[in-house]
Amino acid sequence: IFAYLVHRNGSSCTIKEIAAVLFEDEPYDKKQQNYMQQLTHA
């Protein structure tokens, strides 16, 4: 996640956008939202 943010060079990225990059075609459902929250916290 940090690498992607560095790549975007200061541009604001939504959590949904980051999830789409990291997990490609996986659905952005409640389970993935919770996982992204855990990763952001980490």
ModelCIF file with pLDDT and N, C-alpha, C, O atoms, coordinates in Angstrom:
data_MODEL
#
_entry.id   MODEL 
#
_entity.id                         1 
_entity.type                       polymer 
_entity.pdbx_number_of_molecules   1 
#
_entity_poly.entity_id                      1 
_entity_poly.type                           'polypeptide(L)' 
_entity_poly.nstd_linkage                   no 
_entity_poly.nstd_monomer                   no 
_entity_poly.pdbx_seq_one_letter_code       IFAYLVHRNGSSCTIKEIAAVLFEDEPYDKKQQNYMQQLTHA 
_entity_poly.pdbx_seq_one_letter_code_can   IFAYLVHRNGSSCTIKEIAAVLFEDEPYDKKQQNYMQQLTHA 
_entity_poly.pdbx_strand_id                 A 
#
loop_
_entity_poly_seq.entity_id 
_entity_poly_seq.num 
_entity_poly_seq.mon_id 
_entity_poly_seq.hetero 
1 1  ILE n 
1 2  PHE n 
1 3  ALA n 
1 4  TYR n 
1 5  LEU n 
1 6  VAL n 
1 7  HIS n 
1 8  ARG n 
1 9  ASN n 
1 10 GLY n 
1 11 SER n 
1 12 SER n 
1 13 CYS n 
1 14 THR n 
1 15 ILE n 
1 16 LYS n 
1 17 GLU n 
1 18 ILE n 
1 19 ALA n 
1 20 ALA n 
1 21 VAL n 
1 22 LEU n 
1 23 PHE n 
1 24 GLU n 
1 25 ASP n 
1 26 GLU n 
1 27 PRO n 
1 28 TYR n 
1 29 ASP n 
1 30 LYS n 
1 31 LYS n 
1 32 GLN n 
1 33 GLN n 
1 34 ASN n 
1 35 TYR n 
1 36 MET n 
1 37 GLN n 
1 38 GLN n 
1 39 LEU n 
1 40 THR n 
1 41 HIS n 
1 42 ALA n 
#
_struct_asym.id          A 
_struct_asym.entity_id   1 
#
loop_
_ma_qa_metric.id 
_ma_qa_metric.mode 
_ma_qa_metric.name 
_ma_qa_metric.software_group_id 
_ma_qa_metric.type 
1 global pLDDT . pLDDT 
2 local  pLDDT . pLDDT 
#
_ma_qa_metric_global.metric_id      1 
_ma_qa_metric_global.metric_value   95.36 
_ma_qa_metric_global.model_id       1 
_ma_qa_metric_global.ordinal_id     1 
#
loop_
_ma_qa_metric_local.label_asym_id 
_ma_qa_metric_local.label_comp_id 
_ma_qa_metric_local.label_seq_id 
_ma_qa_metric_local.metric_id 
_ma_qa_metric_local.metric_value 
_ma_qa_metric_local.model_id 
_ma_qa_metric_local.ordinal_id 
A ILE 1  2 98.00 1 1  
A PHE 2  2 98.00 1 2  
A ALA 3  2 98.00 1 3  
A TYR 4  2 98.00 1 4  
A LEU 5  2 98.00 1 5  
A VAL 6  2 97.00 1 6  
A HIS 7  2 97.00 1 7  
A ARG 8  2 95.00 1 8  
A ASN 9  2 94.00 1 9  
A GLY 10 2 94.00 1 10 
A SER 11 2 95.00 1 11 
A SER 12 2 96.00 1 12 
A CYS 13 2 97.00 1 13 
A THR 14 2 97.00 1 14 
A ILE 15 2 96.00 1 15 
A LYS 16 2 96.00 1 16 
A GLU 17 2 96.00 1 17 
A ILE 18 2 97.00 1 18 
A ALA 19 2 96.00 1 19 
A ALA 20 2 95.00 1 20 
A VAL 21 2 95.00 1 21 
A LEU 22 2 95.00 1 22 
A PHE 23 2 94.00 1 23 
A GLU 24 2 88.00 1 24 
A ASP 25 2 81.00 1 25 
A GLU 26 2 90.00 1 26 
A PRO 27 2 94.00 1 27 
A TYR 28 2 94.00 1 28 
A ASP 29 2 95.00 1 29 
A LYS 30 2 95.00 1 30 
A LYS 31 2 95.00 1 31 
A GLN 32 2 95.00 1 32 
A GLN 33 2 95.00 1 33 
A ASN 34 2 96.00 1 34 
A TYR 35 2 97.00 1 35 
A MET 36 2 97.00 1 36 
A GLN 37 2 96.00 1 37 
A GLN 38 2 97.00 1 38 
A LEU 39 2 97.00 1 39 
A THR 40 2 97.00 1 40 
A HIS 41 2 97.00 1 41 
A ALA 42 2 97.00 1 42 
#
loop_
_atom_site.group_PDB 
_atom_site.id 
_atom_site.type_symbol 
_atom_site.label_atom_id 
_atom_site.label_alt_id 
_atom_site.label_comp_id 
_atom_site.label_asym_id 
_atom_site.label_entity_id 
_atom_site.label_seq_id 
_atom_site.pdbx_PDB_ins_code 
_atom_site.Cartn_x 
_atom_site.Cartn_y 
_atom_site.Cartn_z 
_atom_site.occupancy 
_atom_site.B_iso_or_equiv 
_atom_site.pdbx_formal_charge 
_atom_site.auth_seq_id 
_atom_site.auth_comp_id 
_atom_site.auth_asym_id 
_atom_site.auth_atom_id 
_atom_site.pdbx_PDB_model_num 
ATOM 1   N N  . ILE A 1 1  ? 0.850   -1.203 0.000  1.00 98.00 ? 1  ILE A N  1 
ATOM 2   C CA . ILE A 1 1  ? 0.000   0.000  0.000  1.00 98.00 ? 1  ILE A CA 1 
ATOM 3   C C  . ILE A 1 1  ? 0.882   1.248  0.000  1.00 98.00 ? 1  ILE A C  1 
ATOM 4   O O  . ILE A 1 1  ? 0.638   2.190  -0.753 1.00 98.00 ? 1  ILE A O  1 
ATOM 5   N N  . PHE A 1 2  ? 1.901   1.244  0.847  1.00 98.00 ? 2  PHE A N  1 
ATOM 6   C CA . PHE A 1 2  ? 2.805   2.401  0.903  1.00 98.00 ? 2  PHE A CA 1 
ATOM 7   C C  . PHE A 1 2  ? 3.517   2.592  -0.433 1.00 98.00 ? 2  PHE A C  1 
ATOM 8   O O  . PHE A 1 2  ? 3.697   3.720  -0.892 1.00 98.00 ? 2  PHE A O  1 
ATOM 9   N N  . ALA A 1 3  ? 3.921   1.483  -1.053 1.00 98.00 ? 3  ALA A N  1 
ATOM 10  C CA . ALA A 1 3  ? 4.578   1.557  -2.362 1.00 98.00 ? 3  ALA A CA 1 
ATOM 11  C C  . ALA A 1 3  ? 3.661   2.207  -3.392 1.00 98.00 ? 3  ALA A C  1 
ATOM 12  O O  . ALA A 1 3  ? 4.100   3.038  -4.188 1.00 98.00 ? 3  ALA A O  1 
ATOM 13  N N  . TYR A 1 4  ? 2.395   1.826  -3.373 1.00 98.00 ? 4  TYR A N  1 
ATOM 14  C CA . TYR A 1 4  ? 1.462   2.397  -4.340 1.00 98.00 ? 4  TYR A CA 1 
ATOM 15  C C  . TYR A 1 4  ? 1.258   3.886  -4.093 1.00 98.00 ? 4  TYR A C  1 
ATOM 16  O O  . TYR A 1 4  ? 1.158   4.669  -5.038 1.00 98.00 ? 4  TYR A O  1 
ATOM 17  N N  . LEU A 1 5  ? 1.198   4.274  -2.829 1.00 98.00 ? 5  LEU A N  1 
ATOM 18  C CA . LEU A 1 5  ? 1.047   5.691  -2.501 1.00 98.00 ? 5  LEU A CA 1 
ATOM 19  C C  . LEU A 1 5  ? 2.266   6.485  -2.958 1.00 98.00 ? 5  LEU A C  1 
ATOM 20  O O  . LEU A 1 5  ? 2.128   7.592  -3.479 1.00 98.00 ? 5  LEU A O  1 
ATOM 21  N N  . VAL A 1 6  ? 3.465   5.919  -2.764 1.00 97.00 ? 6  VAL A N  1 
ATOM 22  C CA . VAL A 1 6  ? 4.689   6.566  -3.252 1.00 97.00 ? 6  VAL A CA 1 
ATOM 23  C C  . VAL A 1 6  ? 4.627   6.700  -4.769 1.00 97.00 ? 6  VAL A C  1 
ATOM 24  O O  . VAL A 1 6  ? 4.967   7.744  -5.326 1.00 97.00 ? 6  VAL A O  1 
ATOM 25  N N  . HIS A 1 7  ? 4.189   5.635  -5.426 1.00 97.00 ? 7  HIS A N  1 
ATOM 26  C CA . HIS A 1 7  ? 4.059   5.640  -6.882 1.00 97.00 ? 7  HIS A CA 1 
ATOM 27  C C  . HIS A 1 7  ? 3.134   6.757  -7.361 1.00 97.00 ? 7  HIS A C  1 
ATOM 28  O O  . HIS A 1 7  ? 3.371   7.353  -8.412 1.00 97.00 ? 7  HIS A O  1 
ATOM 29  N N  . ARG A 1 8  ? 2.091   7.039  -6.598 1.00 95.00 ? 8  ARG A N  1 
ATOM 30  C CA . ARG A 1 8  ? 1.132   8.081  -6.980 1.00 95.00 ? 8  ARG A CA 1 
ATOM 31  C C  . ARG A 1 8  ? 1.614   9.487  -6.626 1.00 95.00 ? 8  ARG A C  1 
ATOM 32  O O  . ARG A 1 8  ? 0.969   10.477 -6.971 1.00 95.00 ? 8  ARG A O  1 
ATOM 33  N N  . ASN A 1 9  ? 2.743   9.567  -5.941 1.00 94.00 ? 9  ASN A N  1 
ATOM 34  C CA . ASN A 1 9  ? 3.461   10.845 -5.765 1.00 94.00 ? 9  ASN A CA 1 
ATOM 35  C C  . ASN A 1 9  ? 2.596   11.951 -5.169 1.00 94.00 ? 9  ASN A C  1 
ATOM 36  O O  . ASN A 1 9  ? 2.560   13.064 -5.693 1.00 94.00 ? 9  ASN A O  1 
ATOM 37  N N  . GLY A 1 10 ? 1.905   11.648 -4.084 1.00 94.00 ? 10 GLY A N  1 
ATOM 38  C CA . GLY A 1 10 ? 1.137   12.673 -3.383 1.00 94.00 ? 10 GLY A CA 1 
ATOM 39  C C  . GLY A 1 10 ? -0.321  12.764 -3.757 1.00 94.00 ? 10 GLY A C  1 
ATOM 40  O O  . GLY A 1 10 ? -1.082  13.474 -3.099 1.00 94.00 ? 10 GLY A O  1 
ATOM 41  N N  . SER A 1 11 ? -0.730  12.063 -4.800 1.00 95.00 ? 11 SER A N  1 
ATOM 42  C CA . SER A 1 11 ? -2.146  12.070 -5.190 1.00 95.00 ? 11 SER A CA 1 
ATOM 43  C C  . SER A 1 11 ? -2.968  11.284 -4.164 1.00 95.00 ? 11 SER A C  1 
ATOM 44  O O  . SER A 1 11 ? -2.529  10.244 -3.673 1.00 95.00 ? 11 SER A O  1 
ATOM 45  N N  . SER A 1 12 ? -4.141  11.781 -3.852 1.00 96.00 ? 12 SER A N  1 
ATOM 46  C CA . SER A 1 12 ? -5.018  11.103 -2.909 1.00 96.00 ? 12 SER A CA 1 
ATOM 47  C C  . SER A 1 12 ? -5.625  9.864  -3.559 1.00 96.00 ? 12 SER A C  1 
ATOM 48  O O  . SER A 1 12 ? -6.138  9.924  -4.677 1.00 96.00 ? 12 SER A O  1 
ATOM 49  N N  . CYS A 1 13 ? -5.560  8.747  -2.848 1.00 97.00 ? 13 CYS A N  1 
ATOM 50  C CA . CYS A 1 13 ? -6.060  7.467  -3.360 1.00 97.00 ? 13 CYS A CA 1 
ATOM 51  C C  . CYS A 1 13 ? -7.116  6.928  -2.410 1.00 97.00 ? 13 CYS A C  1 
ATOM 52  O O  . CYS A 1 13 ? -6.871  6.816  -1.209 1.00 97.00 ? 13 CYS A O  1 
ATOM 53  N N  . THR A 1 14 ? -8.286  6.593  -2.934 1.00 97.00 ? 14 THR A N  1 
ATOM 54  C CA . THR A 1 14 ? -9.317  6.021  -2.078 1.00 97.00 ? 14 THR A CA 1 
ATOM 55  C C  . THR A 1 14 ? -8.936  4.596  -1.687 1.00 97.00 ? 14 THR A C  1 
ATOM 56  O O  . THR A 1 14 ? -8.167  3.936  -2.385 1.00 97.00 ? 14 THR A O  1 
ATOM 57  N N  . ILE A 1 15 ? -9.474  4.137  -0.580 1.00 96.00 ? 15 ILE A N  1 
ATOM 58  C CA . ILE A 1 15 ? -9.212  2.774  -0.134 1.00 96.00 ? 15 ILE A CA 1 
ATOM 59  C C  . ILE A 1 15 ? -9.713  1.772  -1.172 1.00 96.00 ? 15 ILE A C  1 
ATOM 60  O O  . ILE A 1 15 ? -9.093  0.730  -1.387 1.00 96.00 ? 15 ILE A O  1 
ATOM 61  N N  . LYS A 1 16 ? -10.828 2.089  -1.810 1.00 96.00 ? 16 LYS A N  1 
ATOM 62  C CA . LYS A 1 16 ? -11.371 1.196  -2.839 1.00 96.00 ? 16 LYS A CA 1 
ATOM 63  C C  . LYS A 1 16 ? -10.421 1.110  -4.031 1.00 96.00 ? 16 LYS A C  1 
ATOM 64  O O  . LYS A 1 16 ? -10.204 0.028  -4.575 1.00 96.00 ? 16 LYS A O  1 
ATOM 65  N N  . GLU A 1 17 ? -9.860  2.237  -4.436 1.00 96.00 ? 17 GLU A N  1 
ATOM 66  C CA . GLU A 1 17 ? -8.901  2.243  -5.549 1.00 96.00 ? 17 GLU A CA 1 
ATOM 67  C C  . GLU A 1 17 ? -7.679  1.398  -5.205 1.00 96.00 ? 17 GLU A C  1 
ATOM 68  O O  . GLU A 1 17 ? -7.222  0.604  -6.028 1.00 96.00 ? 17 GLU A O  1 
ATOM 69  N N  . ILE A 1 18 ? -7.153  1.562  -4.010 1.00 97.00 ? 18 ILE A N  1 
ATOM 70  C CA . ILE A 1 18 ? -5.982  0.794  -3.590 1.00 97.00 ? 18 ILE A CA 1 
ATOM 71  C C  . ILE A 1 18 ? -6.294  -0.700 -3.586 1.00 97.00 ? 18 ILE A C  1 
ATOM 72  O O  . ILE A 1 18 ? -5.481  -1.513 -4.026 1.00 97.00 ? 18 ILE A O  1 
ATOM 73  N N  . ALA A 1 19 ? -7.475  -1.053 -3.088 1.00 96.00 ? 19 ALA A N  1 
ATOM 74  C CA . ALA A 1 19 ? -7.883  -2.465 -3.059 1.00 96.00 ? 19 ALA A CA 1 
ATOM 75  C C  . ALA A 1 19 ? -7.965  -3.033 -4.470 1.00 96.00 ? 19 ALA A C  1 
ATOM 76  O O  . ALA A 1 19 ? -7.569  -4.175 -4.700 1.00 96.00 ? 19 ALA A O  1 
ATOM 77  N N  . ALA A 1 20 ? -8.471  -2.251 -5.411 1.00 95.00 ? 20 ALA A N  1 
ATOM 78  C CA . ALA A 1 20 ? -8.588  -2.707 -6.799 1.00 95.00 ? 20 ALA A CA 1 
ATOM 79  C C  . ALA A 1 20 ? -7.214  -2.975 -7.405 1.00 95.00 ? 20 ALA A C  1 
ATOM 80  O O  . ALA A 1 20 ? -7.056  -3.892 -8.211 1.00 95.00 ? 20 ALA A O  1 
ATOM 81  N N  . VAL A 1 21 ? -6.215  -2.170 -7.016 1.00 95.00 ? 21 VAL A N  1 
ATOM 82  C CA . VAL A 1 21 ? -4.865  -2.365 -7.525 1.00 95.00 ? 21 VAL A CA 1 
ATOM 83  C C  . VAL A 1 21 ? -4.222  -3.592 -6.906 1.00 95.00 ? 21 VAL A C  1 
ATOM 84  O O  . VAL A 1 21 ? -3.602  -4.395 -7.604 1.00 95.00 ? 21 VAL A O  1 
ATOM 85  N N  . LEU A 1 22 ? -4.369  -3.737 -5.595 1.00 95.00 ? 22 LEU A N  1 
ATOM 86  C CA . LEU A 1 22 ? -3.718  -4.834 -4.888 1.00 95.00 ? 22 LEU A CA 1 
ATOM 87  C C  . LEU A 1 22 ? -4.363  -6.196 -5.143 1.00 95.00 ? 22 LEU A C  1 
ATOM 88  O O  . LEU A 1 22 ? -3.685  -7.223 -5.160 1.00 95.00 ? 22 LEU A O  1 
ATOM 89  N N  . PHE A 1 23 ? -5.692  -6.187 -5.343 1.00 94.00 ? 23 PHE A N  1 
ATOM 90  C CA . PHE A 1 23 ? -6.406  -7.466 -5.426 1.00 94.00 ? 23 PHE A CA 1 
ATOM 91  C C  . PHE A 1 23 ? -7.140  -7.658 -6.750 1.00 94.00 ? 23 PHE A C  1 
ATOM 92  O O  . PHE A 1 23 ? -7.954  -8.573 -6.879 1.00 94.00 ? 23 PHE A O  1 
ATOM 93  N N  . GLU A 1 24 ? -6.864  -6.815 -7.723 1.00 88.00 ? 24 GLU A N  1 
ATOM 94  C CA . GLU A 1 24 ? -7.386  -6.925 -9.080 1.00 88.00 ? 24 GLU A CA 1 
ATOM 95  C C  . GLU A 1 24 ? -8.907  -7.127 -9.107 1.00 88.00 ? 24 GLU A C  1 
ATOM 96  O O  . GLU A 1 24 ? -9.661  -6.230 -8.731 1.00 88.00 ? 24 GLU A O  1 
ATOM 97  N N  . ASP A 1 25 ? -9.352  -8.305 -9.551 1.00 81.00 ? 25 ASP A N  1 
ATOM 98  C CA . ASP A 1 25 ? -10.770 -8.519 -9.832 1.00 81.00 ? 25 ASP A CA 1 
ATOM 99  C C  . ASP A 1 25 ? -11.586 -9.002 -8.627 1.00 81.00 ? 25 ASP A C  1 
ATOM 100 O O  . ASP A 1 25 ? -12.770 -9.308 -8.768 1.00 81.00 ? 25 ASP A O  1 
ATOM 101 N N  . GLU A 1 26 ? -10.980 -9.070 -7.475 1.00 90.00 ? 26 GLU A N  1 
ATOM 102 C CA . GLU A 1 26 ? -11.734 -9.504 -6.301 1.00 90.00 ? 26 GLU A CA 1 
ATOM 103 C C  . GLU A 1 26 ? -12.787 -8.452 -5.934 1.00 90.00 ? 26 GLU A C  1 
ATOM 104 O O  . GLU A 1 26 ? -12.517 -7.254 -6.023 1.00 90.00 ? 26 GLU A O  1 
ATOM 105 N N  . PRO A 1 27 ? -13.975 -8.887 -5.525 1.00 94.00 ? 27 PRO A N  1 
ATOM 106 C CA . PRO A 1 27 ? -15.045 -7.919 -5.216 1.00 94.00 ? 27 PRO A CA 1 
ATOM 107 C C  . PRO A 1 27 ? -14.707 -7.091 -3.979 1.00 94.00 ? 27 PRO A C  1 
ATOM 108 O O  . PRO A 1 27 ? -14.115 -7.588 -3.020 1.00 94.00 ? 27 PRO A O  1 
ATOM 109 N N  . TYR A 1 28 ? -15.095 -5.833 -4.023 1.00 94.00 ? 28 TYR A N  1 
ATOM 110 C CA . TYR A 1 28 ? -14.874 -4.940 -2.870 1.00 94.00 ? 28 TYR A CA 1 
ATOM 111 C C  . TYR A 1 28 ? -16.077 -5.071 -1.938 1.00 94.00 ? 28 TYR A C  1 
ATOM 112 O O  . TYR A 1 28 ? -16.909 -4.170 -1.833 1.00 94.00 ? 28 TYR A O  1 
ATOM 113 N N  . ASP A 1 29 ? -16.141 -6.197 -1.280 1.00 95.00 ? 29 ASP A N  1 
ATOM 114 C CA . ASP A 1 29 ? -17.267 -6.475 -0.398 1.00 95.00 ? 29 ASP A CA 1 
ATOM 115 C C  . ASP A 1 29 ? -16.886 -6.141 1.046  1.00 95.00 ? 29 ASP A C  1 
ATOM 116 O O  . ASP A 1 29 ? -15.817 -5.593 1.313  1.00 95.00 ? 29 ASP A O  1 
ATOM 117 N N  . LYS A 1 30 ? -17.772 -6.479 1.951  1.00 95.00 ? 30 LYS A N  1 
ATOM 118 C CA . LYS A 1 30 ? -17.553 -6.148 3.359  1.00 95.00 ? 30 LYS A CA 1 
ATOM 119 C C  . LYS A 1 30 ? -16.285 -6.808 3.888  1.00 95.00 ? 30 LYS A C  1 
ATOM 120 O O  . LYS A 1 30 ? -15.544 -6.204 4.663  1.00 95.00 ? 30 LYS A O  1 
ATOM 121 N N  . LYS A 1 31 ? -16.036 -8.044 3.470  1.00 95.00 ? 31 LYS A N  1 
ATOM 122 C CA . LYS A 1 31 ? -14.856 -8.760 3.915  1.00 95.00 ? 31 LYS A CA 1 
ATOM 123 C C  . LYS A 1 31 ? -13.578 -8.050 3.486  1.00 95.00 ? 31 LYS A C  1 
ATOM 124 O O  . LYS A 1 31 ? -12.645 -7.890 4.273  1.00 95.00 ? 31 LYS A O  1 
ATOM 125 N N  . GLN A 1 32 ? -13.553 -7.626 2.220  1.00 95.00 ? 32 GLN A N  1 
ATOM 126 C CA . GLN A 1 32 ? -12.354 -6.938 1.738  1.00 95.00 ? 32 GLN A CA 1 
ATOM 127 C C  . GLN A 1 32 ? -12.206 -5.555 2.378  1.00 95.00 ? 32 GLN A C  1 
ATOM 128 O O  . GLN A 1 32 ? -11.088 -5.119 2.657  1.00 95.00 ? 32 GLN A O  1 
ATOM 129 N N  . GLN A 1 33 ? -13.304 -4.875 2.607  1.00 95.00 ? 33 GLN A N  1 
ATOM 130 C CA . GLN A 1 33 ? -13.254 -3.583 3.277  1.00 95.00 ? 33 GLN A CA 1 
ATOM 131 C C  . GLN A 1 33 ? -12.631 -3.714 4.664  1.00 95.00 ? 33 GLN A C  1 
ATOM 132 O O  . GLN A 1 33 ? -11.813 -2.885 5.064  1.00 95.00 ? 33 GLN A O  1 
ATOM 133 N N  . ASN A 1 34 ? -13.019 -4.754 5.393  1.00 96.00 ? 34 ASN A N  1 
ATOM 134 C CA . ASN A 1 34 ? -12.463 -4.981 6.721  1.00 96.00 ? 34 ASN A CA 1 
ATOM 135 C C  . ASN A 1 34 ? -10.968 -5.297 6.637  1.00 96.00 ? 34 ASN A C  1 
ATOM 136 O O  . ASN A 1 34 ? -10.174 -4.848 7.464  1.00 96.00 ? 34 ASN A O  1 
ATOM 137 N N  . TYR A 1 35 ? -10.610 -6.075 5.627  1.00 97.00 ? 35 TYR A N  1 
ATOM 138 C CA . TYR A 1 35 ? -9.201  -6.422 5.453  1.00 97.00 ? 35 TYR A CA 1 
ATOM 139 C C  . TYR A 1 35 ? -8.374  -5.178 5.128  1.00 97.00 ? 35 TYR A C  1 
ATOM 140 O O  . TYR A 1 35 ? -7.278  -5.003 5.659  1.00 97.00 ? 35 TYR A O  1 
ATOM 141 N N  . MET A 1 36 ? -8.899  -4.315 4.256  1.00 97.00 ? 36 MET A N  1 
ATOM 142 C CA . MET A 1 36 ? -8.198  -3.078 3.919  1.00 97.00 ? 36 MET A CA 1 
ATOM 143 C C  . MET A 1 36 ? -8.044  -2.186 5.147  1.00 97.00 ? 36 MET A C  1 
ATOM 144 O O  . MET A 1 36 ? -7.028  -1.509 5.307  1.00 97.00 ? 36 MET A O  1 
ATOM 145 N N  . GLN A 1 37 ? -9.034  -2.187 5.995  1.00 96.00 ? 37 GLN A N  1 
ATOM 146 C CA . GLN A 1 37 ? -8.950  -1.411 7.234  1.00 96.00 ? 37 GLN A CA 1 
ATOM 147 C C  . GLN A 1 37 ? -7.818  -1.941 8.121  1.00 96.00 ? 37 GLN A C  1 
ATOM 148 O O  . GLN A 1 37 ? -7.092  -1.164 8.741  1.00 96.00 ? 37 GLN A O  1 
ATOM 149 N N  . GLN A 1 38 ? -7.676  -3.254 8.173  1.00 97.00 ? 38 GLN A N  1 
ATOM 150 C CA . GLN A 1 38 ? -6.607  -3.871 8.959  1.00 97.00 ? 38 GLN A CA 1 
ATOM 151 C C  . GLN A 1 38 ? -5.230  -3.523 8.368  1.00 97.00 ? 38 GLN A C  1 
ATOM 152 O O  . GLN A 1 38 ? -4.285  -3.225 9.099  1.00 97.00 ? 38 GLN A O  1 
ATOM 153 N N  . LEU A 1 39 ? -5.139  -3.568 7.043  1.00 97.00 ? 39 LEU A N  1 
ATOM 154 C CA . LEU A 1 39 ? -3.871  -3.255 6.395  1.00 97.00 ? 39 LEU A CA 1 
ATOM 155 C C  . LEU A 1 39 ? -3.484  -1.789 6.594  1.00 97.00 ? 39 LEU A C  1 
ATOM 156 O O  . LEU A 1 39 ? -2.319  -1.473 6.840  1.00 97.00 ? 39 LEU A O  1 
ATOM 157 N N  . THR A 1 40 ? -4.466  -0.905 6.485  1.00 97.00 ? 40 THR A N  1 
ATOM 158 C CA . THR A 1 40 ? -4.206  0.523  6.704  1.00 97.00 ? 40 THR A CA 1 
ATOM 159 C C  . THR A 1 40 ? -3.727  0.761  8.128  1.00 97.00 ? 40 THR A C  1 
ATOM 160 O O  . THR A 1 40 ? -2.792  1.526  8.363  1.00 97.00 ? 40 THR A O  1 
ATOM 161 N N  . HIS A 1 41 ? -4.376  0.101  9.067  1.00 97.00 ? 41 HIS A N  1 
ATOM 162 C CA . HIS A 1 41 ? -3.972  0.223  10.473 1.00 97.00 ? 41 HIS A CA 1 
ATOM 163 C C  . HIS A 1 41 ? -2.544  -0.300 10.649 1.00 97.00 ? 41 HIS A C  1 
ATOM 164 O O  . HIS A 1 41 ? -1.750  0.314  11.361 1.00 97.00 ? 41 HIS A O  1 
ATOM 165 N N  . ALA A 1 42 ? -2.210  -1.419 10.015 1.00 97.00 ? 42 ALA A N  1 
ATOM 166 C CA . ALA A 1 42 ? -0.870  -1.986 10.115 1.00 97.00 ? 42 ALA A CA 1 
ATOM 167 C C  . ALA A 1 42 ? 0.170   -1.056 9.501  1.00 97.00 ? 42 ALA A C  1 
ATOM 168 O O  . ALA A 1 42 ? 1.359   -1.376 9.497  1.00 97.00 ? 42 ALA A O  1 
#
